[in-house]
Protein backbone atom coordinates (compact mmCIF):
# COMPACT_ATOMS: atom_id res chain seq x y z
CA MET A 1 11.26 8.92 10.57
CA GLU A 2 14.32 6.83 11.89
CA PHE A 3 13.31 4.00 9.06
CA SER A 4 11.99 5.72 6.35
CA GLY A 5 13.67 9.46 6.24
CA LYS A 6 17.06 8.13 6.74
CA SER A 7 19.72 6.44 4.42
CA ILE A 8 20.34 2.87 6.14
CA SER A 9 23.80 3.30 6.56
CA HIS A 10 23.11 6.83 8.63
CA ARG A 11 20.08 5.53 10.70
CA GLN A 12 20.42 4.10 14.35
CA ALA A 13 17.72 1.96 14.28
CA ASN A 14 18.25 -1.53 14.70
CA ALA A 15 16.51 -4.92 13.12
CA ASP A 16 14.53 -5.38 16.52
CA ALA A 17 13.19 -2.44 16.20
CA GLN A 18 12.54 -2.57 12.89
CA SER A 19 10.35 -5.61 13.22
CA GLU A 20 8.52 -4.26 16.04
CA LEU A 21 7.32 -1.33 13.69
CA ILE A 22 6.58 -4.06 11.01
CA THR A 23 4.62 -5.69 13.38
CA GLU A 24 2.29 -2.69 14.45
CA ILE A 25 1.98 -2.23 11.31
CA LEU A 26 0.69 -5.32 10.59
CA ARG A 27 -1.49 -5.01 13.94
CA TRP A 28 -2.95 -1.87 12.67
CA TRP A 29 -3.72 -3.48 9.28
CA ASN A 30 -5.29 -6.51 11.20
CA ASP A 31 -7.10 -3.99 13.08
CA VAL A 32 -8.86 -1.97 10.47
CA GLN A 33 -9.78 -5.27 9.33
CA ASN A 34 -11.60 -6.47 12.04
CA GLN A 35 -13.10 -3.30 13.00
CA ILE A 36 -14.62 -2.62 9.41
CA PRO A 37 -15.90 -6.07 8.36
CA LEU A 38 -17.44 -4.52 5.05
CA LEU A 39 -13.94 -2.92 4.15
CA PHE A 40 -13.49 -5.48 1.37
CA ASN A 41 -16.80 -6.56 0.59
CA ASN A 42 -16.97 -4.15 -2.52
CA GLY A 43 -20.41 -3.04 -2.15
CA ASP A 44 -21.82 -6.76 -1.92
CA ASP A 45 -24.56 -6.83 1.02
CA SER A 46 -25.57 -10.03 0.50
CA ASN A 47 -23.59 -12.00 3.04
CA HIS A 48 -24.06 -9.83 6.01
CA ASP A 49 -27.02 -8.40 8.20
CA SER A 50 -29.34 -5.91 7.02
CA ASP A 51 -29.31 -4.46 10.60
CA GLN A 52 -28.52 -0.95 11.48
CA HIS A 53 -25.27 -1.62 13.27
CA THR A 54 -24.01 -3.35 10.46
CA LYS A 55 -24.80 -0.37 8.02
CA GLN A 56 -22.68 2.06 10.55
CA HIS A 57 -19.59 -0.29 9.39
CA ILE A 58 -19.87 0.39 5.73
CA ILE A 59 -17.16 2.63 4.28
CA ILE A 60 -17.48 4.29 1.03
CA PRO A 61 -15.43 3.03 -1.54
CA SER A 62 -12.80 5.83 -1.57
CA HIS A 63 -12.10 5.65 1.97
CA GLN A 64 -11.70 1.67 1.45
CA LEU A 65 -8.81 2.79 -1.34
CA LEU A 66 -7.42 4.88 0.89
CA PHE A 67 -6.85 2.37 3.94
CA LYS A 68 -5.50 -0.22 1.50
CA VAL A 69 -2.99 2.18 0.03
CA LEU A 70 -1.79 3.59 3.93
CA TYR A 71 -1.09 -0.18 4.64
CA ASN A 72 1.18 -0.75 1.56
CA GLU A 73 2.60 2.92 1.87
CA LEU A 74 4.00 2.34 5.45
CA LEU A 75 5.70 -0.87 4.09
CA LEU A 76 7.18 0.75 1.33
CA LEU A 77 8.31 3.44 3.79
CA VAL A 78 9.80 1.52 6.13
CA TYR A 79 11.80 -0.99 3.77
CA ARG A 80 12.57 1.79 1.16
CA PRO A 81 16.29 2.74 2.63
CA VAL A 82 17.43 -0.77 2.28
CA LEU A 83 16.50 -0.70 -1.29
CA SER A 84 19.70 1.84 -1.85
CA THR A 85 21.94 -0.87 -0.58
CA THR A 86 21.74 -4.26 -2.37
CA SER A 87 24.51 -5.84 0.12
CA ALA A 88 22.18 -5.65 3.03
CA LYS A 89 20.95 -8.68 4.77
CA THR A 90 17.64 -7.41 4.64
CA TYR A 91 17.23 -6.50 1.22
CA PRO A 92 15.69 -9.31 -0.25
CA ILE A 93 12.84 -9.30 1.62
CA ALA A 94 12.80 -5.48 1.14
CA ILE A 95 12.53 -5.68 -2.64
CA GLN A 96 9.99 -8.17 -2.83
CA THR A 97 8.00 -6.45 -0.29
CA SER A 98 8.40 -2.81 -1.78
CA ILE A 99 7.27 -4.91 -5.15
CA SER A 100 4.12 -6.56 -3.78
CA SER A 101 3.14 -3.28 -1.71
CA ALA A 102 3.40 -1.39 -5.09
CA LYS A 103 1.59 -3.68 -7.33
CA ALA A 104 -1.22 -3.77 -4.55
CA ILE A 105 -1.31 0.08 -4.53
CA ILE A 106 -1.32 0.42 -8.27
CA SER A 107 -3.79 -2.41 -8.98
CA SER A 108 -5.85 -1.15 -6.16
CA THR A 109 -6.20 2.14 -7.49
CA ARG A 110 -6.76 1.45 -11.08
CA GLN A 111 -9.60 -0.82 -10.09
CA HIS A 112 -11.06 1.75 -8.36
CA LEU A 113 -10.92 4.26 -10.86
CA THR A 114 -12.20 1.91 -13.19
CA ARG A 115 -14.94 0.86 -11.15
CA TYR A 116 -16.06 4.11 -9.69
CA LYS A 117 -15.68 6.55 -12.79
CA SER A 118 -16.97 9.97 -12.34
CA SER A 119 -19.78 11.49 -14.84
CA LYS A 120 -18.47 12.84 -18.06
CA ASN A 121 -15.20 10.46 -17.79
CA LYS A 122 -13.65 13.15 -15.68
CA LEU A 123 -10.74 11.94 -13.11
CA ALA A 124 -12.25 10.28 -9.90
CA PHE A 125 -11.37 12.35 -6.87
CA PRO A 126 -8.83 10.14 -4.91
CA LEU A 127 -6.25 10.89 -7.79
CA PHE A 128 -6.06 14.01 -6.33
CA TRP A 129 -5.33 13.17 -2.82
CA HIS A 130 -1.40 14.42 -2.27
CA ILE A 131 -1.10 10.95 -0.68
CA LEU A 132 -2.50 9.06 -3.66
CA LEU A 133 -0.30 11.37 -5.89
CA SER A 134 3.31 10.55 -4.20
CA CYS A 135 2.33 7.35 -3.10
CA THR A 136 1.26 6.35 -7.12
CA TRP A 137 4.56 7.91 -8.34
CA MET A 138 7.15 6.35 -5.56
CA CYS A 139 5.34 2.61 -6.57
CA GLY A 140 6.27 3.21 -10.48
CA LEU A 141 9.48 4.16 -9.53
CA VAL A 142 9.66 0.59 -7.16
CA THR A 143 8.62 -1.32 -10.11
CA ILE A 144 10.83 0.13 -12.62
CA TYR A 145 13.69 -0.47 -9.95
CA ALA A 146 13.20 -3.88 -9.50
CA ALA A 147 12.93 -4.36 -13.01
CA PHE A 148 16.13 -3.18 -14.06
CA GLY A 149 17.62 -4.43 -11.02
CA LYS A 150 15.97 -8.04 -12.24
CA GLU A 151 13.91 -8.93 -9.20
CA THR A 152 10.82 -8.95 -11.50
CA THR A 153 9.84 -8.93 -15.05
CA LEU A 154 10.07 -5.86 -17.02
CA ASP A 155 6.68 -6.47 -18.65
CA SER A 156 5.42 -7.28 -15.17
CA ALA A 157 6.66 -3.55 -13.94
CA SER A 158 5.25 -2.25 -17.04
CA ARG A 159 1.54 -3.21 -16.30
């Protein structure tokens, strides 16, 4: 909470604590990728053994999306308070990481919805997850903020 919930001018955490938190997020993400070998396989089983042990690690596409969104949202939440002040030393890395995470969330969600459309063109259920709705909203705000701050192009932000 110290990093994501408070303004940078009111929080007590230092840069070392923030680096430790980011390291833990990256470690968790690497563990996720190591524990679930088919996470980014996109349903292609041709490169993997078909034994029972491997099949236990396959997760459904909407859960793959959830892991991707959680990772990028964690990065957004860590850097979000820094975006409120452009004079902070960590602002350049904060804005670029936030842009990258926002684009990853939006493109992953778009790919998922395109690839796994439900029957009769109804919205796919991941859009109804509260985490995805609020996260997508925050991604839109971050990309627009970055475009108006000349950190990315308006064309790139509108895609």
